[in-house]
Structure formats: structure tokens, C-alpha cells
PDB file of N, CA and C in Angstrom:
ATOM      1  N   UNK A   1      16.349  66.810  68.135  1.00  0.00           N
ATOM      2  CA  UNK A   1      15.479  66.991  66.985  1.00  0.00           C
ATOM      3  C   UNK A   1      16.063  66.242  65.780  1.00  0.00           C
ATOM      4  N   UNK A   2      15.187  65.561  65.048  1.00  0.00           N
ATOM      5  CA  UNK A   2      15.568  64.869  63.825  1.00  0.00           C
ATOM      6  C   UNK A   2      14.777  65.460  62.670  1.00  0.00           C
ATOM      7  N   UNK A   3      15.272  65.242  61.464  1.00  0.00           N
ATOM      8  CA  UNK A   3      14.583  65.740  60.273  1.00  0.00           C
ATOM      9  C   UNK A   3      13.874  64.586  59.579  1.00  0.00           C
ATOM     10  N   UNK A   4      12.687  64.887  59.083  1.00  0.00           N
ATOM     11  CA  UNK A   4      11.922  63.907  58.321  1.00  0.00           C
ATOM     12  C   UNK A   4      12.675  63.599  57.020  1.00  0.00           C
ATOM     13  N   UNK A   5      12.764  62.312  56.674  1.00  0.00           N
ATOM     14  CA  UNK A   5      13.456  61.912  55.453  1.00  0.00           C
ATOM     15  C   UNK A   5      12.678  62.311  54.204  1.00  0.00           C
ATOM     16  N   UNK A   6      11.375  62.566  54.360  1.00  0.00           N
ATOM     17  CA  UNK A   6      10.535  62.893  53.207  1.00  0.00           C
ATOM     18  C   UNK A   6      10.490  64.388  52.915  1.00  0.00           C
ATOM     19  N   UNK A   7      10.293  65.221  53.975  1.00  0.00           N
ATOM     20  CA  UNK A   7      10.093  66.658  53.744  1.00  0.00           C
ATOM     21  C   UNK A   7      11.106  67.541  54.470  1.00  0.00           C
ATOM     22  N   UNK A   8      12.015  66.948  55.252  1.00  0.00           N
ATOM     23  CA  UNK A   8      13.072  67.644  55.982  1.00  0.00           C
ATOM     24  C   UNK A   8      12.539  68.531  57.115  1.00  0.00           C
ATOM     25  N   UNK A   9      11.306  68.297  57.552  1.00  0.00           N
ATOM     26  CA  UNK A   9      10.732  69.042  58.682  1.00  0.00           C
ATOM     27  C   UNK A   9      11.366  68.529  59.976  1.00  0.00           C
ATOM     28  N   UNK A  10      11.733  69.447  60.869  1.00  0.00           N
ATOM     29  CA  UNK A  10      12.302  69.033  62.149  1.00  0.00           C
ATOM     30  C   UNK A  10      11.196  68.582  63.084  1.00  0.00           C
ATOM     31  N   UNK A  11      11.439  67.455  63.763  1.00  0.00           N
ATOM     32  CA  UNK A  11      10.442  66.896  64.679  1.00  0.00           C
ATOM     33  C   UNK A  11      11.131  66.291  65.888  1.00  0.00           C
ATOM     34  N   UNK A  12      10.354  65.925  66.878  1.00  0.00           N
ATOM     35  CA  UNK A  12      10.901  65.350  68.110  1.00  0.00           C
ATOM     36  C   UNK A  12      11.591  64.019  67.818  1.00  0.00           C
ATOM     37  N   UNK A  13      12.586  63.682  68.634  1.00  0.00           N
ATOM     38  CA  UNK A  13      13.342  62.441  68.446  1.00  0.00           C
ATOM     39  C   UNK A  13      12.460  61.196  68.559  1.00  0.00           C
ATOM     40  N   UNK A  14      11.421  61.251  69.376  1.00  0.00           N
ATOM     41  CA  UNK A  14      10.589  60.070  69.603  1.00  0.00           C
ATOM     42  C   UNK A  14       9.322  60.044  68.745  1.00  0.00           C
ATOM     43  N   UNK A  15       9.237  60.893  67.727  1.00  0.00           N
ATOM     44  CA  UNK A  15       8.039  60.958  66.879  1.00  0.00           C
ATOM     45  C   UNK A  15       7.914  59.702  66.031  1.00  0.00           C
ATOM     46  N   UNK A  16       6.671  59.208  65.893  1.00  0.00           N
ATOM     47  CA  UNK A  16       6.401  58.050  65.047  1.00  0.00           C
ATOM     48  C   UNK A  16       6.049  58.461  63.628  1.00  0.00           C
ATOM     49  N   UNK A  17       5.421  59.656  63.499  1.00  0.00           N
ATOM     50  CA  UNK A  17       5.022  60.181  62.205  1.00  0.00           C
ATOM     51  C   UNK A  17       5.447  61.636  62.119  1.00  0.00           C
ATOM     52  N   UNK A  18       5.761  62.089  60.920  1.00  0.00           N
ATOM     53  CA  UNK A  18       6.105  63.490  60.713  1.00  0.00           C
ATOM     54  C   UNK A  18       4.832  64.326  60.858  1.00  0.00           C
ATOM     55  N   UNK A  19       4.839  65.374  61.691  1.00  0.00           N
ATOM     56  CA  UNK A  19       3.640  66.190  61.853  1.00  0.00           C
ATOM     57  C   UNK A  19       3.295  67.021  60.620  1.00  0.00           C
ATOM     58  N   UNK A  20       4.262  67.229  59.715  1.00  0.00           N
ATOM     59  CA  UNK A  20       4.012  68.056  58.537  1.00  0.00           C
ATOM     60  C   UNK A  20       3.458  67.241  57.366  1.00  0.00           C
ATOM     61  N   UNK A  21       4.135  66.123  57.012  1.00  0.00           N
ATOM     62  CA  UNK A  21       3.723  65.366  55.820  1.00  0.00           C
ATOM     63  C   UNK A  21       3.054  64.035  56.144  1.00  0.00           C
ATOM     64  N   UNK A  22       3.112  63.579  57.395  1.00  0.00           N
ATOM     65  CA  UNK A  22       2.433  62.345  57.789  1.00  0.00           C
ATOM     66  C   UNK A  22       3.170  61.066  57.502  1.00  0.00           C
ATOM     67  N   UNK A  23       4.404  61.143  57.003  1.00  0.00           N
ATOM     68  CA  UNK A  23       5.180  59.954  56.687  1.00  0.00           C
ATOM     69  C   UNK A  23       5.649  59.302  57.980  1.00  0.00           C
ATOM     70  N   UNK A  24       5.588  57.969  58.021  1.00  0.00           N
ATOM     71  CA  UNK A  24       6.050  57.240  59.194  1.00  0.00           C
ATOM     72  C   UNK A  24       7.563  57.377  59.305  1.00  0.00           C
ATOM     73  N   UNK A  25       8.043  57.643  60.516  1.00  0.00           N
ATOM     74  CA  UNK A  25       9.467  57.825  60.755  1.00  0.00           C
ATOM     75  C   UNK A  25      10.113  56.455  60.830  1.00  0.00           C
ATOM     76  N   UNK A  26      11.174  56.283  60.093  1.00  0.00           N
ATOM     77  CA  UNK A  26      11.897  55.029  60.073  1.00  0.00           C
ATOM     78  C   UNK A  26      12.598  54.817  61.407  1.00  0.00           C
ATOM     79  N   UNK A  27      12.522  53.599  61.975  1.00  0.00           N
ATOM     80  CA  UNK A  27      13.182  53.366  63.251  1.00  0.00           C
ATOM     81  C   UNK A  27      14.694  53.359  63.159  1.00  0.00           C
ATOM     82  N   UNK A  28      15.245  53.161  61.969  1.00  0.00           N
ATOM     83  CA  UNK A  28      16.695  53.162  61.822  1.00  0.00           C
ATOM     84  C   UNK A  28      17.231  54.585  61.775  1.00  0.00           C
ATOM     85  N   UNK A  29      18.438  54.757  62.206  1.00  0.00           N
ATOM     86  CA  UNK A  29      19.057  56.080  62.174  1.00  0.00           C
ATOM     87  C   UNK A  29      19.881  56.204  60.910  1.00  0.00           C
ATOM     88  N   UNK A  30      19.870  57.378  60.326  1.00  0.00           N
ATOM     89  CA  UNK A  30      20.644  57.633  59.121  1.00  0.00           C
ATOM     90  C   UNK A  30      21.922  58.356  59.472  1.00  0.00           C
ATOM     91  N   UNK A  31      22.950  58.142  58.692  1.00  0.00           N
ATOM     92  CA  UNK A  31      24.195  58.850  58.869  1.00  0.00           C
ATOM     93  C   UNK A  31      24.014  60.271  58.364  1.00  0.00           C
ATOM     94  N   UNK A  32      24.376  61.285  59.166  1.00  0.00           N
ATOM     95  CA  UNK A  32      24.212  62.663  58.704  1.00  0.00           C
ATOM     96  C   UNK A  32      24.972  62.911  57.402  1.00  0.00           C
ATOM     97  N   UNK A  33      24.350  63.628  56.486  1.00  0.00           N
ATOM     98  CA  UNK A  33      24.990  63.952  55.218  1.00  0.00           C
ATOM     99  C   UNK A  33      24.859  62.860  54.176  1.00  0.00           C
ATOM    100  N   UNK A  34      24.284  61.735  54.532  1.00  0.00           N
ATOM    101  CA  UNK A  34      24.139  60.633  53.588  1.00  0.00           C
ATOM    102  C   UNK A  34      22.658  60.368  53.366  1.00  0.00           C
ATOM    103  N   UNK A  35      22.230  60.443  52.123  1.00  0.00           N
ATOM    104  CA  UNK A  35      20.810  60.266  51.798  1.00  0.00           C
ATOM    105  C   UNK A  35      20.556  58.875  51.266  1.00  0.00           C
ATOM    106  N   UNK A  36      19.374  58.368  51.559  1.00  0.00           N
ATOM    107  CA  UNK A  36      18.952  57.079  51.039  1.00  0.00           C
ATOM    108  C   UNK A  36      18.527  57.271  49.585  1.00  0.00           C
ATOM    109  N   UNK A  37      18.974  56.395  48.669  1.00  0.00           N
ATOM    110  CA  UNK A  37      18.553  56.528  47.269  1.00  0.00           C
ATOM    111  C   UNK A  37      17.031  56.421  47.154  1.00  0.00           C
ATOM    112  N   UNK A  38      16.458  57.124  46.179  1.00  0.00           N
ATOM    113  CA  UNK A  38      15.002  57.136  45.989  1.00  0.00           C
ATOM    114  C   UNK A  38      14.459  55.735  45.769  1.00  0.00           C
ATOM    115  N   UNK A  39      15.237  54.864  45.146  1.00  0.00           N
ATOM    116  CA  UNK A  39      14.767  53.508  44.873  1.00  0.00           C
ATOM    117  C   UNK A  39      14.600  52.694  46.153  1.00  0.00           C
ATOM    118  N   UNK A  40      15.218  53.126  47.263  1.00  0.00           N
ATOM    119  CA  UNK A  40      15.123  52.391  48.519  1.00  0.00           C
ATOM    120  C   UNK A  40      14.207  53.062  49.534  1.00  0.00           C
ATOM    121  N   UNK A  41      13.751  54.286  49.270  1.00  0.00           N
ATOM    122  CA  UNK A  41      12.858  54.977  50.196  1.00  0.00           C
ATOM    123  C   UNK A  41      11.457  54.405  50.115  1.00  0.00           C
ATOM    124  N   UNK A  42      10.743  54.481  51.214  1.00  0.00           N
ATOM    125  CA  UNK A  42       9.372  53.993  51.251  1.00  0.00           C
ATOM    126  C   UNK A  42       8.407  55.137  51.542  1.00  0.00           C
ATOM    127  N   UNK A  43       7.217  55.013  51.001  1.00  0.00           N
ATOM    128  CA  UNK A  43       6.119  55.927  51.308  1.00  0.00           C
ATOM    129  C   UNK A  43       5.152  55.114  52.158  1.00  0.00           C
ATOM    130  N   UNK A  44       4.867  55.602  53.362  1.00  0.00           N
ATOM    131  CA  UNK A  44       4.011  54.873  54.287  1.00  0.00           C
ATOM    132  C   UNK A  44       2.572  55.364  54.199  1.00  0.00           C
ATOM    133  N   UNK A  45       1.621  54.488  54.530  1.00  0.00           N
ATOM    134  CA  UNK A  45       0.207  54.893  54.512  1.00  0.00           C
ATOM    135  C   UNK A  45      -0.058  56.025  55.498  1.00  0.00           C
ATOM    136  N   UNK A  46      -1.012  56.865  55.150  1.00  0.00           N
ATOM    137  CA  UNK A  46      -1.405  57.977  56.019  1.00  0.00           C
ATOM    138  C   UNK A  46      -2.628  57.574  56.840  1.00  0.00           C
ATOM    139  N   UNK A  47      -2.833  58.302  57.903  1.00  0.00           N
ATOM    140  CA  UNK A  47      -3.997  58.078  58.720  1.00  0.00           C
ATOM    141  C   UNK A  47      -4.726  59.404  58.884  1.00  0.00           C
ATOM    142  N   UNK A  48      -5.881  59.611  58.310  1.00  0.00           N
ATOM    143  CA  UNK A  48      -6.672  58.701  57.504  1.00  0.00           C
ATOM    144  C   UNK A  48      -6.063  58.531  56.109  1.00  0.00           C
ATOM    145  N   UNK A  49      -6.328  57.393  55.467  1.00  0.00           N
ATOM    146  CA  UNK A  49      -5.743  57.145  54.148  1.00  0.00           C
ATOM    147  C   UNK A  49      -6.314  58.075  53.074  1.00  0.00           C
ATOM    148  N   UNK A  50      -5.507  58.321  52.054  1.00  0.00           N
ATOM    149  CA  UNK A  50      -5.975  59.097  50.902  1.00  0.00           C
ATOM    150  C   UNK A  50      -6.924  58.237  50.077  1.00  0.00           C
ATOM    151  N   UNK A  51      -7.908  58.850  49.473  1.00  0.00           N
ATOM    152  CA  UNK A  51      -8.858  58.138  48.632  1.00  0.00           C
ATOM    153  C   UNK A  51      -8.210  57.793  47.290  1.00  0.00           C
ATOM    154  N   UNK A  52      -8.652  56.697  46.700  1.00  0.00           N
ATOM    155  CA  UNK A  52      -8.164  56.324  45.371  1.00  0.00           C
ATOM    156  C   UNK A  52      -8.612  57.325  44.313  1.00  0.00           C
ATOM    157  N   UNK A  53      -9.639  58.088  44.615  1.00  0.00           N
ATOM    158  CA  UNK A  53     -10.164  59.058  43.651  1.00  0.00           C
ATOM    159  C   UNK A  53      -9.171  60.189  43.379  1.00  0.00           C
ATOM    160  N   UNK A  54      -8.134  60.269  44.185  1.00  0.00           N
ATOM    161  CA  UNK A  54      -7.097  61.273  43.946  1.00  0.00           C
ATOM    162  C   UNK A  54      -6.451  61.056  42.573  1.00  0.00           C
ATOM    163  N   UNK A  55      -6.527  59.821  42.081  1.00  0.00           N
ATOM    164  CA  UNK A  55      -5.949  59.490  40.776  1.00  0.00           C
ATOM    165  C   UNK A  55      -6.588  60.287  39.647  1.00  0.00           C
ATOM    166  N   UNK A  56      -7.826  60.715  39.818  1.00  0.00           N
ATOM    167  CA  UNK A  56      -8.532  61.445  38.755  1.00  0.00           C
ATOM    168  C   UNK A  56      -7.888  62.789  38.435  1.00  0.00           C
ATOM    169  N   UNK A  57      -7.138  63.347  39.382  1.00  0.00           N
ATOM    170  CA  UNK A  57      -6.413  64.592  39.120  1.00  0.00           C
ATOM    171  C   UNK A  57      -5.426  64.383  37.969  1.00  0.00           C
ATOM    172  N   UNK A  58      -4.925  63.144  37.838  1.00  0.00           N
ATOM    173  CA  UNK A  58      -3.949  62.820  36.808  1.00  0.00           C
ATOM    174  C   UNK A  58      -4.471  62.959  35.389  1.00  0.00           C
ATOM    175  N   UNK A  59      -5.773  63.021  35.210  1.00  0.00           N
ATOM    176  CA  UNK A  59      -6.328  63.224  33.868  1.00  0.00           C
ATOM    177  C   UNK A  59      -5.914  64.599  33.342  1.00  0.00           C
ATOM    178  N   UNK A  60      -5.954  65.582  34.223  1.00  0.00           N
ATOM    179  CA  UNK A  60      -5.626  66.948  33.823  1.00  0.00           C
ATOM    180  C   UNK A  60      -4.164  67.305  34.068  1.00  0.00           C
ATOM    181  N   UNK A  61      -3.593  66.776  35.133  1.00  0.00           N
ATOM    182  CA  UNK A  61      -2.193  67.053  35.485  1.00  0.00           C
ATOM    183  C   UNK A  61      -1.486  65.750  35.848  1.00  0.00           C
ATOM    184  N   UNK A  62      -1.009  65.000  34.843  1.00  0.00           N
ATOM    185  CA  UNK A  62      -0.322  63.741  35.130  1.00  0.00           C
ATOM    186  C   UNK A  62       0.861  63.978  36.064  1.00  0.00           C
ATOM    187  N   UNK A  63       0.997  63.118  37.063  1.00  0.00           N
ATOM    188  CA  UNK A  63       2.096  63.226  38.012  1.00  0.00           C
ATOM    189  C   UNK A  63       1.722  63.905  39.313  1.00  0.00           C
ATOM    190  N   UNK A  64       0.701  64.746  39.295  1.00  0.00           N
ATOM    191  CA  UNK A  64       0.306  65.454  40.522  1.00  0.00           C
ATOM    192  C   UNK A  64      -0.221  64.486  41.586  1.00  0.00           C
ATOM    193  N   UNK A  65      -1.017  63.452  41.226  1.00  0.00           N
ATOM    194  CA  UNK A  65      -1.430  62.510  42.275  1.00  0.00           C
ATOM    195  C   UNK A  65      -0.229  61.830  42.951  1.00  0.00           C
ATOM    196  N   UNK A  66       0.802  61.538  42.179  1.00  0.00           N
ATOM    197  CA  UNK A  66       1.999  60.927  42.764  1.00  0.00           C
ATOM    198  C   UNK A  66       2.677  61.897  43.736  1.00  0.00           C
ATOM    199  N   UNK A  67       2.674  63.187  43.395  1.00  0.00           N
ATOM    200  CA  UNK A  67       3.232  64.191  44.309  1.00  0.00           C
ATOM    201  C   UNK A  67       2.445  64.218  45.618  1.00  0.00           C
ATOM    202  N   UNK A  68       1.132  64.148  45.530  1.00  0.00           N
ATOM    203  CA  UNK A  68       0.281  64.169  46.721  1.00  0.00           C
ATOM    204  C   UNK A  68       0.478  62.905  47.553  1.00  0.00           C
ATOM    205  N   UNK A  69       0.615  61.776  46.896  1.00  0.00           N
ATOM    206  CA  UNK A  69       0.806  60.498  47.592  1.00  0.00           C
ATOM    207  C   UNK A  69       2.124  60.488  48.358  1.00  0.00           C
ATOM    208  N   UNK A  70       3.133  61.173  47.831  1.00  0.00           N
ATOM    209  CA  UNK A  70       4.440  61.197  48.487  1.00  0.00           C
ATOM    210  C   UNK A  70       5.564  60.692  47.605  1.00  0.00           C
ATOM    211  N   UNK A  71       5.266  60.393  46.350  1.00  0.00           N
ATOM    212  CA  UNK A  71       6.274  59.928  45.405  1.00  0.00           C
ATOM    213  C   UNK A  71       6.706  61.120  44.544  1.00  0.00           C
ATOM    214  N   UNK A  72       7.464  62.037  45.161  1.00  0.00           N
ATOM    215  CA  UNK A  72       7.781  63.306  44.520  1.00  0.00           C
ATOM    216  C   UNK A  72       8.574  63.148  43.218  1.00  0.00           C
ATOM    217  N   UNK A  73       9.644  62.397  43.250  1.00  0.00           N
ATOM    218  CA  UNK A  73      10.486  62.258  42.056  1.00  0.00           C
ATOM    219  C   UNK A  73       9.697  61.634  40.908  1.00  0.00           C
ATOM    220  N   UNK A  74       8.940  60.599  41.212  1.00  0.00           N
ATOM    221  CA  UNK A  74       8.137  59.947  40.174  1.00  0.00           C
ATOM    222  C   UNK A  74       7.074  60.896  39.630  1.00  0.00           C
ATOM    223  N   UNK A  75       6.466  61.700  40.491  1.00  0.00           N
ATOM    224  CA  UNK A  75       5.459  62.651  40.050  1.00  0.00           C
ATOM    225  C   UNK A  75       6.017  63.685  39.098  1.00  0.00           C
ATOM    226  N   UNK A  76       7.188  64.211  39.420  1.00  0.00           N
ATOM    227  CA  UNK A  76       7.830  65.200  38.546  1.00  0.00           C
ATOM    228  C   UNK A  76       8.195  64.553  37.214  1.00  0.00           C
ATOM    229  N   UNK A  77       8.709  63.326  37.260  1.00  0.00           N
ATOM    230  CA  UNK A  77       9.075  62.629  36.023  1.00  0.00           C
ATOM    231  C   UNK A  77       7.854  62.394  35.138  1.00  0.00           C
ATOM    232  N   UNK A  78       6.729  61.989  35.728  1.00  0.00           N
ATOM    233  CA  UNK A  78       5.513  61.762  34.936  1.00  0.00           C
ATOM    234  C   UNK A  78       4.969  63.061  34.349  1.00  0.00           C
ATOM    235  N   UNK A  79       5.042  64.130  35.118  1.00  0.00           N
ATOM    236  CA  UNK A  79       4.574  65.429  34.627  1.00  0.00           C
ATOM    237  C   UNK A  79       5.416  65.888  33.432  1.00  0.00           C
ATOM    238  N   UNK A  80       6.728  65.773  33.555  1.00  0.00           N
ATOM    239  CA  UNK A  80       7.609  66.137  32.445  1.00  0.00           C
ATOM    240  C   UNK A  80       7.394  65.229  31.240  1.00  0.00           C
ATOM    241  N   UNK A  81       7.221  63.930  31.492  1.00  0.00           N
ATOM    242  CA  UNK A  81       7.001  62.979  30.395  1.00  0.00           C
ATOM    243  C   UNK A  81       5.713  63.317  29.641  1.00  0.00           C
ATOM    244  N   UNK A  82       4.683  63.739  30.347  1.00  0.00           N
ATOM    245  CA  UNK A  82       3.416  64.084  29.702  1.00  0.00           C
ATOM    246  C   UNK A  82       3.585  65.290  28.792  1.00  0.00           C
ATOM    247  N   UNK A  83       4.314  66.298  29.252  1.00  0.00           N
ATOM    248  CA  UNK A  83       4.505  67.486  28.417  1.00  0.00           C
ATOM    249  C   UNK A  83       5.432  67.206  27.232  1.00  0.00           C
ATOM    250  N   UNK A  84       6.431  66.377  27.434  1.00  0.00           N
ATOM    251  CA  UNK A  84       7.309  65.994  26.316  1.00  0.00           C
ATOM    252  C   UNK A  84       6.517  65.166  25.305  1.00  0.00           C
ATOM    253  N   UNK A  85       5.706  64.214  25.793  1.00  0.00           N
ATOM    254  CA  UNK A  85       4.889  63.396  24.889  1.00  0.00           C
ATOM    255  C   UNK A  85       3.883  64.256  24.132  1.00  0.00           C
ATOM    256  N   UNK A  86       3.343  65.270  24.794  1.00  0.00           N
ATOM    257  CA  UNK A  86       2.408  66.179  24.122  1.00  0.00           C
ATOM    258  C   UNK A  86       3.115  66.965  23.030  1.00  0.00           C
ATOM    259  N   UNK A  87       4.350  67.355  23.281  1.00  0.00           N
ATOM    260  CA  UNK A  87       5.110  68.096  22.281  1.00  0.00           C
ATOM    261  C   UNK A  87       5.485  67.240  21.087  1.00  0.00           C
ATOM    262  N   UNK A  88       5.738  65.962  21.333  1.00  0.00           N
ATOM    263  CA  UNK A  88       6.162  65.073  20.254  1.00  0.00           C
ATOM    264  C   UNK A  88       4.990  64.453  19.490  1.00  0.00           C
ATOM    265  N   UNK A  89       3.942  64.073  20.225  1.00  0.00           N
ATOM    266  CA  UNK A  89       2.843  63.342  19.589  1.00  0.00           C
ATOM    267  C   UNK A  89       1.501  64.053  19.717  1.00  0.00           C
ATOM    268  N   UNK A  90       1.509  65.276  20.192  1.00  0.00           N
ATOM    269  CA  UNK A  90       0.256  66.025  20.305  1.00  0.00           C
ATOM    270  C   UNK A  90      -0.625  65.491  21.419  1.00  0.00           C
ATOM    271  N   UNK A  91      -1.928  65.654  21.257  1.00  0.00           N
ATOM    272  CA  UNK A  91      -2.851  65.259  22.325  1.00  0.00           C
ATOM    273  C   UNK A  91      -2.827  63.766  22.623  1.00  0.00           C
ATOM    274  N   UNK A  92      -2.507  62.948  21.620  1.00  0.00           N
ATOM    275  CA  UNK A  92      -2.475  61.507  21.853  1.00  0.00           C
ATOM    276  C   UNK A  92      -1.315  61.129  22.779  1.00  0.00           C
ATOM    277  N   UNK A  93      -0.195  61.805  22.640  1.00  0.00           N
ATOM    278  CA  UNK A  93       0.937  61.566  23.538  1.00  0.00           C
ATOM    279  C   UNK A  93       0.600  61.965  24.962  1.00  0.00           C
ATOM    280  N   UNK A  94      -0.063  63.108  25.095  1.00  0.00           N
ATOM    281  CA  UNK A  94      -0.466  63.584  26.416  1.00  0.00           C
ATOM    282  C   UNK A  94      -1.460  62.616  27.054  1.00  0.00           C
ATOM    283  N   UNK A  95      -2.451  62.171  26.282  1.00  0.00           N
ATOM    284  CA  UNK A  95      -3.457  61.250  26.815  1.00  0.00           C
ATOM    285  C   UNK A  95      -2.847  59.911  27.215  1.00  0.00           C
ATOM    286  N   UNK A  96      -1.872  59.449  26.453  1.00  0.00           N
ATOM    287  CA  UNK A  96      -1.182  58.205  26.818  1.00  0.00           C
ATOM    288  C   UNK A  96      -0.447  58.342  28.145  1.00  0.00           C
ATOM    289  N   UNK A  97       0.278  59.443  28.311  1.00  0.00           N
ATOM    290  CA  UNK A  97       1.001  59.678  29.564  1.00  0.00           C
ATOM    291  C   UNK A  97       0.023  59.873  30.716  1.00  0.00           C
ATOM    292  N   UNK A  98      -1.086  60.558  30.461  1.00  0.00           N
ATOM    293  CA  UNK A  98      -2.094  60.768  31.503  1.00  0.00           C
ATOM    294  C   UNK A  98      -2.717  59.438  31.926  1.00  0.00           C
ATOM    295  N   UNK A  99      -2.964  58.550  30.962  1.00  0.00           N
ATOM    296  CA  UNK A  99      -3.548  57.239  31.287  1.00  0.00           C
ATOM    297  C   UNK A  99      -2.613  56.435  32.186  1.00  0.00           C
ATOM    298  N   UNK A 100      -1.317  56.445  31.877  1.00  0.00           N
ATOM    299  CA  UNK A 100      -0.334  55.738  32.711  1.00  0.00           C
ATOM    300  C   UNK A 100      -0.323  56.329  34.114  1.00  0.00           C
ATOM    301  N   UNK A 101      -0.336  57.652  34.220  1.00  0.00           N
ATOM    302  CA  UNK A 101      -0.291  58.316  35.519  1.00  0.00           C
ATOM    303  C   UNK A 101      -1.540  58.018  36.343  1.00  0.00           C
ATOM    304  N   UNK A 102      -2.712  58.002  35.710  1.00  0.00           N
ATOM    305  CA  UNK A 102      -3.963  57.745  36.427  1.00  0.00           C
ATOM    306  C   UNK A 102      -4.006  56.303  36.935  1.00  0.00           C
ATOM    307  N   UNK A 103      -3.678  55.351  36.081  1.00  0.00           N
ATOM    308  CA  UNK A 103      -3.697  53.941  36.495  1.00  0.00           C
ATOM    309  C   UNK A 103      -2.674  53.707  37.611  1.00  0.00           C
ATOM    310  N   UNK A 104      -1.489  54.263  37.455  1.00  0.00           N
ATOM    311  CA  UNK A 104      -0.461  54.109  38.484  1.00  0.00           C
ATOM    312  C   UNK A 104      -0.924  54.697  39.817  1.00  0.00           C
ATOM    313  N   UNK A 105      -1.445  55.916  39.800  1.00  0.00           N
ATOM    314  CA  UNK A 105      -1.889  56.561  41.039  1.00  0.00           C
ATOM    315  C   UNK A 105      -3.024  55.774  41.685  1.00  0.00           C
ATOM    316  N   UNK A 106      -3.929  55.238  40.889  1.00  0.00           N
ATOM    317  CA  UNK A 106      -5.053  54.470  41.423  1.00  0.00           C
ATOM    318  C   UNK A 106      -4.554  53.201  42.119  1.00  0.00           C
ATOM    319  N   UNK A 107      -3.654  52.467  41.465  1.00  0.00           N
ATOM    320  CA  UNK A 107      -3.163  51.213  42.039  1.00  0.00           C
ATOM    321  C   UNK A 107      -2.258  51.450  43.248  1.00  0.00           C
ATOM    322  N   UNK A 108      -1.404  52.464  43.180  1.00  0.00           N
ATOM    323  CA  UNK A 108      -0.514  52.764  44.307  1.00  0.00           C
ATOM    324  C   UNK A 108      -1.317  53.258  45.506  1.00  0.00           C
ATOM    325  N   UNK A 109      -2.310  54.121  45.273  1.00  0.00           N
ATOM    326  CA  UNK A 109      -3.124  54.600  46.396  1.00  0.00           C
ATOM    327  C   UNK A 109      -3.945  53.458  46.990  1.00  0.00           C
ATOM    328  N   UNK A 110      -4.306  52.480  46.181  1.00  0.00           N
ATOM    329  CA  UNK A 110      -4.998  51.299  46.698  1.00  0.00           C
ATOM    330  C   UNK A 110      -4.114  50.497  47.642  1.00  0.00           C
ATOM    331  N   UNK A 111      -2.841  50.358  47.286  1.00  0.00           N
ATOM    332  CA  UNK A 111      -1.900  49.658  48.177  1.00  0.00           C
ATOM    333  C   UNK A 111      -1.744  50.412  49.491  1.00  0.00           C
ATOM    334  N   UNK A 112      -1.627  51.737  49.399  1.00  0.00           N
ATOM    335  CA  UNK A 112      -1.490  52.538  50.612  1.00  0.00           C
ATOM    336  C   UNK A 112      -2.765  52.481  51.450  1.00  0.00           C
ATOM    337  N   UNK A 113      -3.907  52.447  50.793  1.00  0.00           N
ATOM    338  CA  UNK A 113      -5.194  52.379  51.487  1.00  0.00           C
ATOM    339  C   UNK A 113      -5.320  51.081  52.290  1.00  0.00           C
ATOM    340  N   UNK A 114      -4.712  50.009  51.763  1.00  0.00           N
ATOM    341  CA  UNK A 114      -4.734  48.718  52.455  1.00  0.00           C
ATOM    342  C   UNK A 114      -3.655  48.616  53.535  1.00  0.00           C
ATOM    343  N   UNK A 115      -2.861  49.706  53.714  1.00  0.00           N
ATOM    344  CA  UNK A 115      -1.854  49.719  54.777  1.00  0.00           C
ATOM    345  C   UNK A 115      -0.488  49.217  54.372  1.00  0.00           C
ATOM    346  N   UNK A 116      -0.244  49.062  53.082  1.00  0.00           N
ATOM    347  CA  UNK A 116       1.043  48.556  52.604  1.00  0.00           C
ATOM    348  C   UNK A 116       1.941  49.712  52.176  1.00  0.00           C
ATOM    349  N   UNK A 117       3.162  49.820  52.733  1.00  0.00           N
ATOM    350  CA  UNK A 117       4.080  50.859  52.255  1.00  0.00           C
ATOM    351  C   UNK A 117       4.511  50.554  50.823  1.00  0.00           C
ATOM    352  N   UNK A 118       4.797  51.588  50.065  1.00  0.00           N
ATOM    353  CA  UNK A 118       5.244  51.432  48.677  1.00  0.00           C
ATOM    354  C   UNK A 118       6.569  52.156  48.499  1.00  0.00           C
ATOM    355  N   UNK A 119       7.318  51.739  47.506  1.00  0.00           N
ATOM    356  CA  UNK A 119       8.595  52.390  47.208  1.00  0.00           C
ATOM    357  C   UNK A 119       8.376  53.766  46.604  1.00  0.00           C
ATOM    358  N   UNK A 120       9.343  54.652  46.798  1.00  0.00           N
ATOM    359  CA  UNK A 120       9.234  56.012  46.284  1.00  0.00           C
ATOM    360  C   UNK A 120       9.181  56.035  44.763  1.00  0.00           C
ATOM    361  N   UNK A 121       9.711  55.024  44.107  1.00  0.00           N
ATOM    362  CA  UNK A 121       9.679  54.950  42.640  1.00  0.00           C
ATOM    363  C   UNK A 121       8.909  53.735  42.149  1.00  0.00           C
ATOM    364  N   UNK A 122       8.100  53.116  43.001  1.00  0.00           N
ATOM    365  CA  UNK A 122       7.340  51.925  42.626  1.00  0.00           C
ATOM    366  C   UNK A 122       6.215  52.290  41.653  1.00  0.00           C
ATOM    367  N   UNK A 123       6.112  51.535  40.570  1.00  0.00           N
ATOM    368  CA  UNK A 123       5.037  51.726  39.594  1.00  0.00           C
ATOM    369  C   UNK A 123       4.047  50.577  39.711  1.00  0.00           C
ATOM    370  N   UNK A 124       2.792  50.891  39.518  1.00  0.00           N
ATOM    371  CA  UNK A 124       1.675  49.944  39.506  1.00  0.00           C
ATOM    372  C   UNK A 124       1.720  49.041  40.711  1.00  0.00           C
TER     373      UNK A 124
END
């Protein structure tokens, strides 16, 4: 049994995709106890692909579309940035952060929809 690099779910050694989160299993083996940096991790397209309309969730909750796509660290960072911007600049700060999150989620989900893997911290 191996663990998924994305969600840590245990799966069969010969699995191509994680049955829990749908991430494609990397053919390379990782050293136990050593994690790949987020900047080098990839998010693979799902089957069936997620719709680009998932980006619209970012209007109300910036960062949540990134969490759904599989870019967890980036999603949390965008969510925190939106609340910090709202605290510093009011609704205009929040709307600015939400706009960045929506555009990013739309473009990243478009890449995934076309079958292209994206980096865990890749923007636009």
C-alpha cells in the first residue's frame, strides 16, 4: 500500500489515480519521510474534468475554488489574503482579492480541462 501525495489516502501499489481525491499517482517513488516541496508538486486533471464555472465560488469565498481544484496551500493563502485585505481596505480590498482568485481559478481550471497538469502553486 502507498499513500497519495495529495491527500495521504492509502491505495493499492499499482493504482494510477487516487480513489479518494482523483489525483494521478506519480510513477516515481518517494523516499519515506521526505516530502516534495509545494512548488514542485503537480495537480493532475480529473476525469471527468471540473467545470471552469467553479471559479464563480471565488466571488463569495476567495481561495475555495483553488481548494477544490487541488491547490490547497494556494487556496488557503488566497482566503487569508482576502480577509486581511478586507480588514485593511474594507470591501474594496476584499473585492480585489476575490477578483484575483476568480481569474486565477478560471484560468487554472481551463488548463486542467484541456488535460494539462498545473503546479500546486501555479498562478494564472
